[in-house]
Amino acid sequence: MSHFAKIENNTVTTVIVAEQDYIDTLEGTWVKTSYNTRGGVHYGEDGQPDNGVALRANYACIGFTYDEINDVFYSPKPYPSWTISAPTWTWTAPVAPPSDASEKLYLWNETNKTWNSTI
């Protein structure tokens, strides 16, 4: 069994687990996606990168975009100022998070284009 995403107007509308033979009987555009792929990296069952093939950069979720030219899935744009970057196909803020972001929680302030501490 594999995961497949139904694509309508370059947007993921449905994600199912099925055999390829079943997918071949369905109408519409269906694209295979990997539950183990995030940010252009394939992860093993233990949650650690395992050097496997990262299929289409990210696991498809409803509302994601399917970029047919680059053959990748990516999430909706979180803020107007953020940009998408390959090979991870994840969104990046125009300002890097603070160096202590692993210790404190910060939220993006789109108006000021800054990271604000929640503490």
PDB file of N, CA and C in Angstrom:
ATOM      1  N   MET A   1       0.840  -1.181   0.000  1.00  0.00           N
ATOM      2  CA  MET A   1       0.000   0.000   0.000  1.00  0.00           C
ATOM      3  C   MET A   1       0.886   1.245   0.000  1.00  0.00           C
ATOM      4  N   SER A   2       0.370   2.280  -0.632  1.00  0.00           N
ATOM      5  CA  SER A   2       1.087   3.553  -0.718  1.00  0.00           C
ATOM      6  C   SER A   2       0.115   4.686  -0.465  1.00  0.00           C
ATOM      7  N   HIS A   3       0.667   5.870  -0.225  1.00  0.00           N
ATOM      8  CA  HIS A   3      -0.143   7.074  -0.057  1.00  0.00           C
ATOM      9  C   HIS A   3      -0.219   7.789  -1.401  1.00  0.00           C
ATOM     10  N   PHE A   4      -1.413   8.296  -1.711  1.00  0.00           N
ATOM     11  CA  PHE A   4      -1.628   9.034  -2.951  1.00  0.00           C
ATOM     12  C   PHE A   4      -2.413  10.303  -2.656  1.00  0.00           C
ATOM     13  N   ALA A   5      -2.082  11.368  -3.382  1.00  0.00           N
ATOM     14  CA  ALA A   5      -2.765  12.646  -3.247  1.00  0.00           C
ATOM     15  C   ALA A   5      -3.527  12.946  -4.524  1.00  0.00           C
ATOM     16  N   LYS A   6      -4.791  13.357  -4.359  1.00  0.00           N
ATOM     17  CA  LYS A   6      -5.570  13.808  -5.507  1.00  0.00           C
ATOM     18  C   LYS A   6      -5.287  15.296  -5.700  1.00  0.00           C
ATOM     19  N   ILE A   7      -4.994  15.651  -6.950  1.00  0.00           N
ATOM     20  CA  ILE A   7      -4.619  17.021  -7.284  1.00  0.00           C
ATOM     21  C   ILE A   7      -5.702  17.660  -8.132  1.00  0.00           C
ATOM     22  N   GLU A   8      -6.187  18.815  -7.687  1.00  0.00           N
ATOM     23  CA  GLU A   8      -7.135  19.613  -8.471  1.00  0.00           C
ATOM     24  C   GLU A   8      -6.627  21.047  -8.489  1.00  0.00           C
ATOM     25  N   ASN A   9      -6.383  21.571  -9.684  1.00  0.00           N
ATOM     26  CA  ASN A   9      -5.847  22.929  -9.832  1.00  0.00           C
ATOM     27  C   ASN A   9      -4.572  23.129  -9.014  1.00  0.00           C
ATOM     28  N   ASN A  10      -3.690  22.165  -9.061  1.00  0.00           N
ATOM     29  CA  ASN A  10      -2.397  22.183  -8.368  1.00  0.00           C
ATOM     30  C   ASN A  10      -2.510  22.152  -6.842  1.00  0.00           C
ATOM     31  N   THR A  11      -3.686  21.831  -6.318  1.00  0.00           N
ATOM     32  CA  THR A  11      -3.900  21.775  -4.874  1.00  0.00           C
ATOM     33  C   THR A  11      -4.291  20.361  -4.467  1.00  0.00           C
ATOM     34  N   VAL A  12      -3.730  19.891  -3.359  1.00  0.00           N
ATOM     35  CA  VAL A  12      -4.070  18.571  -2.826  1.00  0.00           C
ATOM     36  C   VAL A  12      -5.452  18.659  -2.179  1.00  0.00           C
ATOM     37  N   THR A  13      -6.383  17.835  -2.658  1.00  0.00           N
ATOM     38  CA  THR A  13      -7.749  17.855  -2.117  1.00  0.00           C
ATOM     39  C   THR A  13      -8.072  16.617  -1.291  1.00  0.00           C
ATOM     40  N   THR A  14      -7.331  15.531  -1.510  1.00  0.00           N
ATOM     41  CA  THR A  14      -7.577  14.270  -0.820  1.00  0.00           C
ATOM     42  C   THR A  14      -6.263  13.515  -0.728  1.00  0.00           C
ATOM     43  N   VAL A  15      -6.063  12.788   0.380  1.00  0.00           N
ATOM     44  CA  VAL A  15      -4.917  11.896   0.519  1.00  0.00           C
ATOM     45  C   VAL A  15      -5.456  10.558   1.015  1.00  0.00           C
ATOM     46  N   ILE A  16      -5.096   9.478   0.308  1.00  0.00           N
ATOM     47  CA  ILE A  16      -5.573   8.145   0.689  1.00  0.00           C
ATOM     48  C   ILE A  16      -4.433   7.131   0.668  1.00  0.00           C
ATOM     49  N   VAL A  17      -4.676   6.008   1.286  1.00  0.00           N
ATOM     50  CA  VAL A  17      -3.755   4.867   1.231  1.00  0.00           C
ATOM     51  C   VAL A  17      -4.421   3.816   0.354  1.00  0.00           C
ATOM     52  N   ALA A  18      -3.715   3.377  -0.676  1.00  0.00           N
ATOM     53  CA  ALA A  18      -4.322   2.430  -1.625  1.00  0.00           C
ATOM     54  C   ALA A  18      -3.232   1.729  -2.426  1.00  0.00           C
ATOM     55  N   GLU A  19      -3.655   0.711  -3.148  1.00  0.00           N
ATOM     56  CA  GLU A  19      -2.779   0.024  -4.097  1.00  0.00           C
ATOM     57  C   GLU A  19      -2.813   0.786  -5.424  1.00  0.00           C
ATOM     58  N   GLN A  20      -1.725   0.724  -6.172  1.00  0.00           N
ATOM     59  CA  GLN A  20      -1.652   1.393  -7.467  1.00  0.00           C
ATOM     60  C   GLN A  20      -2.770   0.923  -8.397  1.00  0.00           C
ATOM     61  N   ASP A  21      -3.104  -0.368  -8.358  1.00  0.00           N
ATOM     62  CA  ASP A  21      -4.172  -0.893  -9.216  1.00  0.00           C
ATOM     63  C   ASP A  21      -5.495  -0.174  -8.964  1.00  0.00           C
ATOM     64  N   TYR A  22      -5.791   0.135  -7.707  1.00  0.00           N
ATOM     65  CA  TYR A  22      -7.021   0.860  -7.373  1.00  0.00           C
ATOM     66  C   TYR A  22      -6.938   2.301  -7.867  1.00  0.00           C
ATOM     67  N   ILE A  23      -5.803   2.949  -7.652  1.00  0.00           N
ATOM     68  CA  ILE A  23      -5.616   4.341  -8.094  1.00  0.00           C
ATOM     69  C   ILE A  23      -5.838   4.446  -9.599  1.00  0.00           C
ATOM     70  N   ASP A  24      -5.391   3.437 -10.325  1.00  0.00           N
ATOM     71  CA  ASP A  24      -5.532   3.445 -11.783  1.00  0.00           C
ATOM     72  C   ASP A  24      -6.992   3.425 -12.234  1.00  0.00           C
ATOM     73  N   THR A  25      -7.918   3.041 -11.353  1.00  0.00           N
ATOM     74  CA  THR A  25      -9.337   3.009 -11.711  1.00  0.00           C
ATOM     75  C   THR A  25     -10.041   4.332 -11.400  1.00  0.00           C
ATOM     76  N   LEU A  26      -9.379   5.222 -10.698  1.00  0.00           N
ATOM     77  CA  LEU A  26     -10.003   6.483 -10.269  1.00  0.00           C
ATOM     78  C   LEU A  26      -9.869   7.574 -11.320  1.00  0.00           C
ATOM     79  N   GLU A  27     -10.835   8.467 -11.313  1.00  0.00           N
ATOM     80  CA  GLU A  27     -10.760   9.634 -12.192  1.00  0.00           C
ATOM     81  C   GLU A  27      -9.932  10.708 -11.533  1.00  0.00           C
ATOM     82  N   GLY A  28      -9.435  11.620 -12.327  1.00  0.00           N
ATOM     83  CA  GLY A  28      -8.648  12.726 -11.796  1.00  0.00           C
ATOM     84  C   GLY A  28      -7.169  12.408 -11.782  1.00  0.00           C
ATOM     85  N   THR A  29      -6.424  13.355 -11.239  1.00  0.00           N
ATOM     86  CA  THR A  29      -4.976  13.232 -11.165  1.00  0.00           C
ATOM     87  C   THR A  29      -4.579  12.806  -9.763  1.00  0.00           C
ATOM     88  N   TRP A  30      -3.898  11.669  -9.671  1.00  0.00           N
ATOM     89  CA  TRP A  30      -3.425  11.127  -8.400  1.00  0.00           C
ATOM     90  C   TRP A  30      -1.910  11.017  -8.460  1.00  0.00           C
ATOM     91  N   VAL A  31      -1.234  11.503  -7.406  1.00  0.00           N
ATOM     92  CA  VAL A  31       0.225  11.505  -7.360  1.00  0.00           C
ATOM     93  C   VAL A  31       0.671  10.817  -6.076  1.00  0.00           C
ATOM     94  N   LYS A  32       1.636   9.917  -6.209  1.00  0.00           N
ATOM     95  CA  LYS A  32       2.152   9.191  -5.043  1.00  0.00           C
ATOM     96  C   LYS A  32       2.910  10.143  -4.128  1.00  0.00           C
ATOM     97  N   THR A  33       2.771   9.936  -2.816  1.00  0.00           N
ATOM     98  CA  THR A  33       3.461  10.743  -1.820  1.00  0.00           C
ATOM     99  C   THR A  33       4.033   9.824  -0.749  1.00  0.00           C
ATOM    100  N   SER A  34       5.059  10.253  -0.075  1.00  0.00           N
ATOM    101  CA  SER A  34       5.702   9.425   0.945  1.00  0.00           C
ATOM    102  C   SER A  34       5.476  10.005   2.336  1.00  0.00           C
ATOM    103  N   TYR A  35       4.868   9.214   3.185  1.00  0.00           N
ATOM    104  CA  TYR A  35       4.616   9.597   4.573  1.00  0.00           C
ATOM    105  C   TYR A  35       5.924   9.858   5.323  1.00  0.00           C
ATOM    106  N   ASN A  36       7.005   9.300   4.838  1.00  0.00           N
ATOM    107  CA  ASN A  36       8.308   9.415   5.502  1.00  0.00           C
ATOM    108  C   ASN A  36       9.177  10.555   4.974  1.00  0.00           C
ATOM    109  N   THR A  37       8.620  11.429   4.146  1.00  0.00           N
ATOM    110  CA  THR A  37       9.407  12.501   3.549  1.00  0.00           C
ATOM    111  C   THR A  37       8.970  13.857   4.093  1.00  0.00           C
ATOM    112  N   ARG A  38       9.945  14.614   4.618  1.00  0.00           N
ATOM    113  CA  ARG A  38       9.702  15.967   5.117  1.00  0.00           C
ATOM    114  C   ARG A  38      10.934  16.814   4.815  1.00  0.00           C
ATOM    115  N   GLY A  39      10.706  17.984   4.268  1.00  0.00           N
ATOM    116  CA  GLY A  39      11.812  18.908   4.026  1.00  0.00           C
ATOM    117  C   GLY A  39      12.903  18.370   3.132  1.00  0.00           C
ATOM    118  N   GLY A  40      12.514  17.525   2.192  1.00  0.00           N
ATOM    119  CA  GLY A  40      13.477  16.970   1.250  1.00  0.00           C
ATOM    120  C   GLY A  40      14.330  15.851   1.818  1.00  0.00           C
ATOM    121  N   VAL A  41      13.920  15.320   2.981  1.00  0.00           N
ATOM    122  CA  VAL A  41      14.671  14.246   3.639  1.00  0.00           C
ATOM    123  C   VAL A  41      13.738  13.070   3.894  1.00  0.00           C
ATOM    124  N   HIS A  42      14.248  11.860   3.689  1.00  0.00           N
ATOM    125  CA  HIS A  42      13.478  10.648   3.988  1.00  0.00           C
ATOM    126  C   HIS A  42      13.847  10.171   5.387  1.00  0.00           C
ATOM    127  N   TYR A  43      12.817   9.860   6.195  1.00  0.00           N
ATOM    128  CA  TYR A  43      13.019   9.426   7.578  1.00  0.00           C
ATOM    129  C   TYR A  43      12.588   7.976   7.738  1.00  0.00           C
ATOM    130  N   GLY A  44      13.311   7.245   8.577  1.00  0.00           N
ATOM    131  CA  GLY A  44      12.989   5.857   8.873  1.00  0.00           C
ATOM    132  C   GLY A  44      11.920   5.767   9.945  1.00  0.00           C
ATOM    133  N   GLU A  45      11.544   4.549  10.293  1.00  0.00           N
ATOM    134  CA  GLU A  45      10.514   4.313  11.301  1.00  0.00           C
ATOM    135  C   GLU A  45      10.887   4.878  12.664  1.00  0.00           C
ATOM    136  N   ASP A  46      12.197   5.036  12.908  1.00  0.00           N
ATOM    137  CA  ASP A  46      12.649   5.587  14.188  1.00  0.00           C
ATOM    138  C   ASP A  46      12.639   7.119  14.211  1.00  0.00           C
ATOM    139  N   GLY A  47      12.199   7.738  13.099  1.00  0.00           N
ATOM    140  CA  GLY A  47      12.126   9.188  13.028  1.00  0.00           C
ATOM    141  C   GLY A  47      13.436   9.868  12.676  1.00  0.00           C
ATOM    142  N   GLN A  48      14.451   9.079  12.360  1.00  0.00           N
ATOM    143  CA  GLN A  48      15.764   9.621  12.010  1.00  0.00           C
ATOM    144  C   GLN A  48      15.990   9.531  10.502  1.00  0.00           C
ATOM    145  N   PRO A  49      16.721  10.506   9.923  1.00  0.00           N
ATOM    146  CA  PRO A  49      17.048  10.420   8.497  1.00  0.00           C
ATOM    147  C   PRO A  49      17.723   9.086   8.192  1.00  0.00           C
ATOM    148  N   ASP A  50      17.318   8.446   7.104  1.00  0.00           N
ATOM    149  CA  ASP A  50      17.856   7.121   6.803  1.00  0.00           C
ATOM    150  C   ASP A  50      18.476   7.010   5.408  1.00  0.00           C
ATOM    151  N   ASN A  51      18.706   8.144   4.758  1.00  0.00           N
ATOM    152  CA  ASN A  51      19.297   8.171   3.415  1.00  0.00           C
ATOM    153  C   ASN A  51      18.419   7.523   2.359  1.00  0.00           C
ATOM    154  N   GLY A  52      17.127   7.313   2.669  1.00  0.00           N
ATOM    155  CA  GLY A  52      16.191   6.814   1.675  1.00  0.00           C
ATOM    156  C   GLY A  52      15.846   7.913   0.674  1.00  0.00           C
ATOM    157  N   VAL A  53      15.120   7.546  -0.351  1.00  0.00           N
ATOM    158  CA  VAL A  53      14.729   8.500  -1.382  1.00  0.00           C
ATOM    159  C   VAL A  53      13.602   9.391  -0.855  1.00  0.00           C
ATOM    160  N   ALA A  54      13.830  10.694  -0.849  1.00  0.00           N
ATOM    161  CA  ALA A  54      12.826  11.667  -0.419  1.00  0.00           C
ATOM    162  C   ALA A  54      11.884  11.931  -1.590  1.00  0.00           C
ATOM    163  N   LEU A  55      10.705  11.338  -1.546  1.00  0.00           N
ATOM    164  CA  LEU A  55       9.758  11.439  -2.653  1.00  0.00           C
ATOM    165  C   LEU A  55       8.999  12.762  -2.617  1.00  0.00           C
ATOM    166  N   ARG A  56       9.194  13.573  -3.625  1.00  0.00           N
ATOM    167  CA  ARG A  56       8.467  14.823  -3.833  1.00  0.00           C
ATOM    168  C   ARG A  56       8.594  15.819  -2.680  1.00  0.00           C
ATOM    169  N   ALA A  57       9.749  15.817  -2.019  1.00  0.00           N
ATOM    170  CA  ALA A  57      10.160  16.812  -1.011  1.00  0.00           C
ATOM    171  C   ALA A  57       9.391  16.783   0.299  1.00  0.00           C
ATOM    172  N   ASN A  58       8.073  16.658   0.265  1.00  0.00           N
ATOM    173  CA  ASN A  58       7.253  16.661   1.476  1.00  0.00           C
ATOM    174  C   ASN A  58       6.056  15.742   1.298  1.00  0.00           C
ATOM    175  N   TYR A  59       5.595  15.193   2.411  1.00  0.00           N
ATOM    176  CA  TYR A  59       4.367  14.401   2.389  1.00  0.00           C
ATOM    177  C   TYR A  59       3.209  15.333   2.054  1.00  0.00           C
ATOM    178  N   ALA A  60       2.356  14.927   1.150  1.00  0.00           N
ATOM    179  CA  ALA A  60       1.225  15.749   0.734  1.00  0.00           C
ATOM    180  C   ALA A  60       0.145  15.773   1.810  1.00  0.00           C
ATOM    181  N   CYS A  61      -0.358  16.945   2.095  1.00  0.00           N
ATOM    182  CA  CYS A  61      -1.491  17.124   3.009  1.00  0.00           C
ATOM    183  C   CYS A  61      -2.538  17.949   2.282  1.00  0.00           C
ATOM    184  N   ILE A  62      -3.771  17.814   2.699  1.00  0.00           N
ATOM    185  CA  ILE A  62      -4.849  18.594   2.083  1.00  0.00           C
ATOM    186  C   ILE A  62      -4.512  20.078   2.201  1.00  0.00           C
ATOM    187  N   GLY A  63      -4.643  20.778   1.088  1.00  0.00           N
ATOM    188  CA  GLY A  63      -4.333  22.200   1.038  1.00  0.00           C
ATOM    189  C   GLY A  63      -2.933  22.503   0.547  1.00  0.00           C
ATOM    190  N   PHE A  64      -2.073  21.498   0.469  1.00  0.00           N
ATOM    191  CA  PHE A  64      -0.720  21.693  -0.046  1.00  0.00           C
ATOM    192  C   PHE A  64      -0.787  21.953  -1.549  1.00  0.00           C
ATOM    193  N   THR A  65       0.266  22.554  -2.064  1.00  0.00           N
ATOM    194  CA  THR A  65       0.419  22.773  -3.496  1.00  0.00           C
ATOM    195  C   THR A  65       1.241  21.631  -4.080  1.00  0.00           C
ATOM    196  N   TYR A  66       0.827  21.176  -5.266  1.00  0.00           N
ATOM    197  CA  TYR A  66       1.660  20.250  -6.031  1.00  0.00           C
ATOM    198  C   TYR A  66       2.258  21.042  -7.180  1.00  0.00           C
ATOM    199  N   ASP A  67       3.560  21.185  -7.182  1.00  0.00           N
ATOM    200  CA  ASP A  67       4.296  21.875  -8.239  1.00  0.00           C
ATOM    201  C   ASP A  67       4.725  20.817  -9.243  1.00  0.00           C
ATOM    202  N   GLU A  68       3.996  20.748 -10.342  1.00  0.00           N
ATOM    203  CA  GLU A  68       4.237  19.711 -11.348  1.00  0.00           C
ATOM    204  C   GLU A  68       5.591  19.874 -12.028  1.00  0.00           C
ATOM    205  N   ILE A  69       6.033  21.102 -12.224  1.00  0.00           N
ATOM    206  CA  ILE A  69       7.309  21.342 -12.899  1.00  0.00           C
ATOM    207  C   ILE A  69       8.466  20.786 -12.071  1.00  0.00           C
ATOM    208  N   ASN A  70       8.449  21.035 -10.758  1.00  0.00           N
ATOM    209  CA  ASN A  70       9.508  20.550  -9.880  1.00  0.00           C
ATOM    210  C   ASN A  70       9.187  19.206  -9.242  1.00  0.00           C
ATOM    211  N   ASP A  71       7.952  18.714  -9.460  1.00  0.00           N
ATOM    212  CA  ASP A  71       7.488  17.431  -8.941  1.00  0.00           C
ATOM    213  C   ASP A  71       7.638  17.356  -7.416  1.00  0.00           C
ATOM    214  N   VAL A  72       7.087  18.386  -6.736  1.00  0.00           N
ATOM    215  CA  VAL A  72       7.176  18.473  -5.276  1.00  0.00           C
ATOM    216  C   VAL A  72       5.841  18.940  -4.684  1.00  0.00           C
ATOM    217  N   PHE A  73       5.672  18.611  -3.394  1.00  0.00           N
ATOM    218  CA  PHE A  73       4.553  19.129  -2.608  1.00  0.00           C
ATOM    219  C   PHE A  73       5.114  20.134  -1.608  1.00  0.00           C
ATOM    220  N   TYR A  74       4.338  21.204  -1.349  1.00  0.00           N
ATOM    221  CA  TYR A  74       4.738  22.117  -0.275  1.00  0.00           C
ATOM    222  C   TYR A  74       3.501  22.741   0.353  1.00  0.00           C
ATOM    223  N   SER A  75       3.674  23.157   1.611  1.00  0.00           N
ATOM    224  CA  SER A  75       2.570  23.683   2.412  1.00  0.00           C
ATOM    225  C   SER A  75       2.144  25.069   1.939  1.00  0.00           C
ATOM    226  N   PRO A  76       0.958  25.521   2.379  1.00  0.00           N
ATOM    227  CA  PRO A  76       0.527  26.887   2.048  1.00  0.00           C
ATOM    228  C   PRO A  76       1.499  27.925   2.622  1.00  0.00           C
ATOM    229  N   LYS A  77       1.627  29.024   1.943  1.00  0.00           N
ATOM    230  CA  LYS A  77       2.527  30.105   2.372  1.00  0.00           C
ATOM    231  C   LYS A  77       2.014  30.692   3.687  1.00  0.00           C
ATOM    232  N   PRO A  78       2.847  30.681   4.743  1.00  0.00           N
ATOM    233  CA  PRO A  78       2.361  31.143   6.043  1.00  0.00           C
ATOM    234  C   PRO A  78       2.240  32.666   6.163  1.00  0.00           C
ATOM    235  N   TYR A  79       3.122  33.408   5.484  1.00  0.00           N
ATOM    236  CA  TYR A  79       3.122  34.871   5.549  1.00  0.00           C
ATOM    237  C   TYR A  79       3.553  35.418   4.192  1.00  0.00           C
ATOM    238  N   PRO A  80       3.046  36.586   3.804  1.00  0.00           N
ATOM    239  CA  PRO A  80       3.406  37.152   2.496  1.00  0.00           C
ATOM    240  C   PRO A  80       4.904  37.369   2.287  1.00  0.00           C
ATOM    241  N   SER A  81       5.647  37.657   3.347  1.00  0.00           N
ATOM    242  CA  SER A  81       7.075  37.965   3.201  1.00  0.00           C
ATOM    243  C   SER A  81       7.961  36.724   3.102  1.00  0.00           C
ATOM    244  N   TRP A  82       7.436  35.548   3.381  1.00  0.00           N
ATOM    245  CA  TRP A  82       8.249  34.332   3.383  1.00  0.00           C
ATOM    246  C   TRP A  82       8.450  33.814   1.961  1.00  0.00           C
ATOM    247  N   THR A  83       9.546  33.110   1.748  1.00  0.00           N
ATOM    248  CA  THR A  83       9.856  32.544   0.430  1.00  0.00           C
ATOM    249  C   THR A  83      10.070  31.035   0.549  1.00  0.00           C
ATOM    250  N   ILE A  84       9.789  30.360  -0.547  1.00  0.00           N
ATOM    251  CA  ILE A  84       9.983  28.901  -0.587  1.00  0.00           C
ATOM    252  C   ILE A  84      11.398  28.627  -1.075  1.00  0.00           C
ATOM    253  N   SER A  85      12.020  27.594  -0.535  1.00  0.00           N
ATOM    254  CA  SER A  85      13.382  27.308  -0.967  1.00  0.00           C
ATOM    255  C   SER A  85      13.579  25.819  -1.236  1.00  0.00           C
ATOM    256  N   ALA A  86      14.262  25.557  -2.336  1.00  0.00           N
ATOM    257  CA  ALA A  86      14.645  24.194  -2.679  1.00  0.00           C
ATOM    258  C   ALA A  86      15.996  23.935  -2.027  1.00  0.00           C
ATOM    259  N   PRO A  87      16.373  22.731  -1.682  1.00  0.00           N
ATOM    260  CA  PRO A  87      15.701  21.481  -2.001  1.00  0.00           C
ATOM    261  C   PRO A  87      14.698  21.015  -0.949  1.00  0.00           C
ATOM    262  N   THR A  88      14.512  21.812   0.119  1.00  0.00           N
ATOM    263  CA  THR A  88      13.602  21.373   1.176  1.00  0.00           C
ATOM    264  C   THR A  88      12.142  21.663   0.854  1.00  0.00           C
ATOM    265  N   TRP A  89      11.897  22.646   0.017  1.00  0.00           N
ATOM    266  CA  TRP A  89      10.544  23.069  -0.324  1.00  0.00           C
ATOM    267  C   TRP A  89       9.755  23.397   0.940  1.00  0.00           C
ATOM    268  N   THR A  90      10.424  24.171   1.812  1.00  0.00           N
ATOM    269  CA  THR A  90       9.798  24.702   3.015  1.00  0.00           C
ATOM    270  C   THR A  90       9.904  26.219   2.968  1.00  0.00           C
ATOM    271  N   TRP A  91       9.062  26.888   3.726  1.00  0.00           N
ATOM    272  CA  TRP A  91       9.013  28.346   3.744  1.00  0.00           C
ATOM    273  C   TRP A  91      10.049  28.902   4.710  1.00  0.00           C
ATOM    274  N   THR A  92      10.664  30.024   4.317  1.00  0.00           N
ATOM    275  CA  THR A  92      11.699  30.656   5.110  1.00  0.00           C
ATOM    276  C   THR A  92      11.352  32.123   5.332  1.00  0.00           C
ATOM    277  N   ALA A  93      11.490  32.554   6.578  1.00  0.00           N
ATOM    278  CA  ALA A  93      11.257  33.971   6.914  1.00  0.00           C
ATOM    279  C   ALA A  93      12.384  34.825   6.340  1.00  0.00           C
ATOM    280  N   PRO A  94      12.114  36.114   6.090  1.00  0.00           N
ATOM    281  CA  PRO A  94      13.175  36.986   5.564  1.00  0.00           C
ATOM    282  C   PRO A  94      14.256  37.300   6.600  1.00  0.00           C
ATOM    283  N   VAL A  95      13.980  36.975   7.869  1.00  0.00           N
ATOM    284  CA  VAL A  95      14.939  37.177   8.956  1.00  0.00           C
ATOM    285  C   VAL A  95      15.091  35.845   9.680  1.00  0.00           C
ATOM    286  N   ALA A  96      16.306  35.424   9.911  1.00  0.00           N
ATOM    287  CA  ALA A  96      16.537  34.152  10.606  1.00  0.00           C
ATOM    288  C   ALA A  96      16.009  34.215  12.037  1.00  0.00           C
ATOM    289  N   PRO A  97      15.518  33.086  12.552  1.00  0.00           N
ATOM    290  CA  PRO A  97      15.073  33.063  13.954  1.00  0.00           C
ATOM    291  C   PRO A  97      16.241  33.388  14.889  1.00  0.00           C
ATOM    292  N   PRO A  98      15.954  33.903  16.085  1.00  0.00           N
ATOM    293  CA  PRO A  98      17.024  34.195  17.049  1.00  0.00           C
ATOM    294  C   PRO A  98      17.826  32.937  17.380  1.00  0.00           C
ATOM    295  N   SER A  99      19.063  33.140  17.777  1.00  0.00           N
ATOM    296  CA  SER A  99      19.955  32.011  18.059  1.00  0.00           C
ATOM    297  C   SER A  99      19.474  31.146  19.214  1.00  0.00           C
ATOM    298  N   ASP A 100      18.640  31.683  20.109  1.00  0.00           N
ATOM    299  CA  ASP A 100      18.131  30.888  21.230  1.00  0.00           C
ATOM    300  C   ASP A 100      16.738  30.322  20.967  1.00  0.00           C
ATOM    301  N   ALA A 101      16.365  30.232  19.700  1.00  0.00           N
ATOM    302  CA  ALA A 101      15.020  29.748  19.343  1.00  0.00           C
ATOM    303  C   ALA A 101      14.789  28.298  19.761  1.00  0.00           C
ATOM    304  N   SER A 102      15.837  27.541  19.999  1.00  0.00           N
ATOM    305  CA  SER A 102      15.650  26.167  20.459  1.00  0.00           C
ATOM    306  C   SER A 102      15.315  26.125  21.959  1.00  0.00           C
ATOM    307  N   GLU A 103      15.550  27.233  22.639  1.00  0.00           N
ATOM    308  CA  GLU A 103      15.294  27.315  24.083  1.00  0.00           C
ATOM    309  C   GLU A 103      14.047  28.125  24.422  1.00  0.00           C
ATOM    310  N   LYS A 104      13.694  29.070  23.567  1.00  0.00           N
ATOM    311  CA  LYS A 104      12.542  29.944  23.794  1.00  0.00           C
ATOM    312  C   LYS A 104      11.585  29.846  22.606  1.00  0.00           C
ATOM    313  N   LEU A 105      10.349  30.187  22.848  1.00  0.00           N
ATOM    314  CA  LEU A 105       9.355  30.181  21.774  1.00  0.00           C
ATOM    315  C   LEU A 105       9.222  31.585  21.196  1.00  0.00           C
ATOM    316  N   TYR A 106       9.347  31.681  19.887  1.00  0.00           N
ATOM    317  CA  TYR A 106       9.194  32.943  19.176  1.00  0.00           C
ATOM    318  C   TYR A 106       8.074  32.803  18.159  1.00  0.00           C
ATOM    319  N   LEU A 107       7.372  33.897  17.938  1.00  0.00           N
ATOM    320  CA  LEU A 107       6.349  33.954  16.905  1.00  0.00           C
ATOM    321  C   LEU A 107       6.721  35.033  15.901  1.00  0.00           C
ATOM    322  N   TRP A 108       6.411  34.777  14.649  1.00  0.00           N
ATOM    323  CA  TRP A 108       6.721  35.724  13.582  1.00  0.00           C
ATOM    324  C   TRP A 108       5.733  36.885  13.618  1.00  0.00           C
ATOM    325  N   ASN A 109       6.248  38.113  13.523  1.00  0.00           N
ATOM    326  CA  ASN A 109       5.434  39.324  13.445  1.00  0.00           C
ATOM    327  C   ASN A 109       5.558  39.846  12.019  1.00  0.00           C
ATOM    328  N   GLU A 110       4.534  39.603  11.232  1.00  0.00           N
ATOM    329  CA  GLU A 110       4.576  39.971   9.809  1.00  0.00           C
ATOM    330  C   GLU A 110       4.615  41.481   9.616  1.00  0.00           C
ATOM    331  N   THR A 111       3.951  42.226  10.467  1.00  0.00           N
ATOM    332  CA  THR A 111       3.916  43.683  10.331  1.00  0.00           C
ATOM    333  C   THR A 111       5.319  44.275  10.455  1.00  0.00           C
ATOM    334  N   ASN A 112       6.055  43.829  11.457  1.00  0.00           N
ATOM    335  CA  ASN A 112       7.401  44.365  11.710  1.00  0.00           C
ATOM    336  C   ASN A 112       8.516  43.539  11.090  1.00  0.00           C
ATOM    337  N   LYS A 113       8.154  42.379  10.550  1.00  0.00           N
ATOM    338  CA  LYS A 113       9.139  41.447   9.968  1.00  0.00           C
ATOM    339  C   LYS A 113      10.205  41.081  11.007  1.00  0.00           C
ATOM    340  N   THR A 114       9.728  40.697  12.216  1.00  0.00           N
ATOM    341  CA  THR A 114      10.632  40.332  13.294  1.00  0.00           C
ATOM    342  C   THR A 114      10.076  39.110  14.025  1.00  0.00           C
ATOM    343  N   TRP A 115      10.956  38.475  14.787  1.00  0.00           N
ATOM    344  CA  TRP A 115      10.560  37.377  15.668  1.00  0.00           C
ATOM    345  C   TRP A 115      10.318  37.963  17.041  1.00  0.00           C
ATOM    346  N   ASN A 116       9.146  37.690  17.633  1.00  0.00           N
ATOM    347  CA  ASN A 116       8.809  38.190  18.971  1.00  0.00           C
ATOM    348  C   ASN A 116       8.794  37.028  19.960  1.00  0.00           C
ATOM    349  N   SER A 117       9.460  37.229  21.088  1.00  0.00           N
ATOM    350  CA  SER A 117       9.464  36.216  22.144  1.00  0.00           C
ATOM    351  C   SER A 117       8.083  36.143  22.760  1.00  0.00           C
ATOM    352  N   THR A 118       7.650  34.942  23.091  1.00  0.00           N
ATOM    353  CA  THR A 118       6.327  34.778  23.728  1.00  0.00           C
ATOM    354  C   THR A 118       6.429  34.881  25.236  1.00  0.00           C
ATOM    355  N   ILE A 119       7.624  35.043  25.758  1.00  0.00           N
ATOM    356  CA  ILE A 119       7.803  35.134  27.217  1.00  0.00           C
ATOM    357  C   ILE A 119       7.898  36.585  27.632  1.00  0.00           C
TER     358      ILE A 119
END
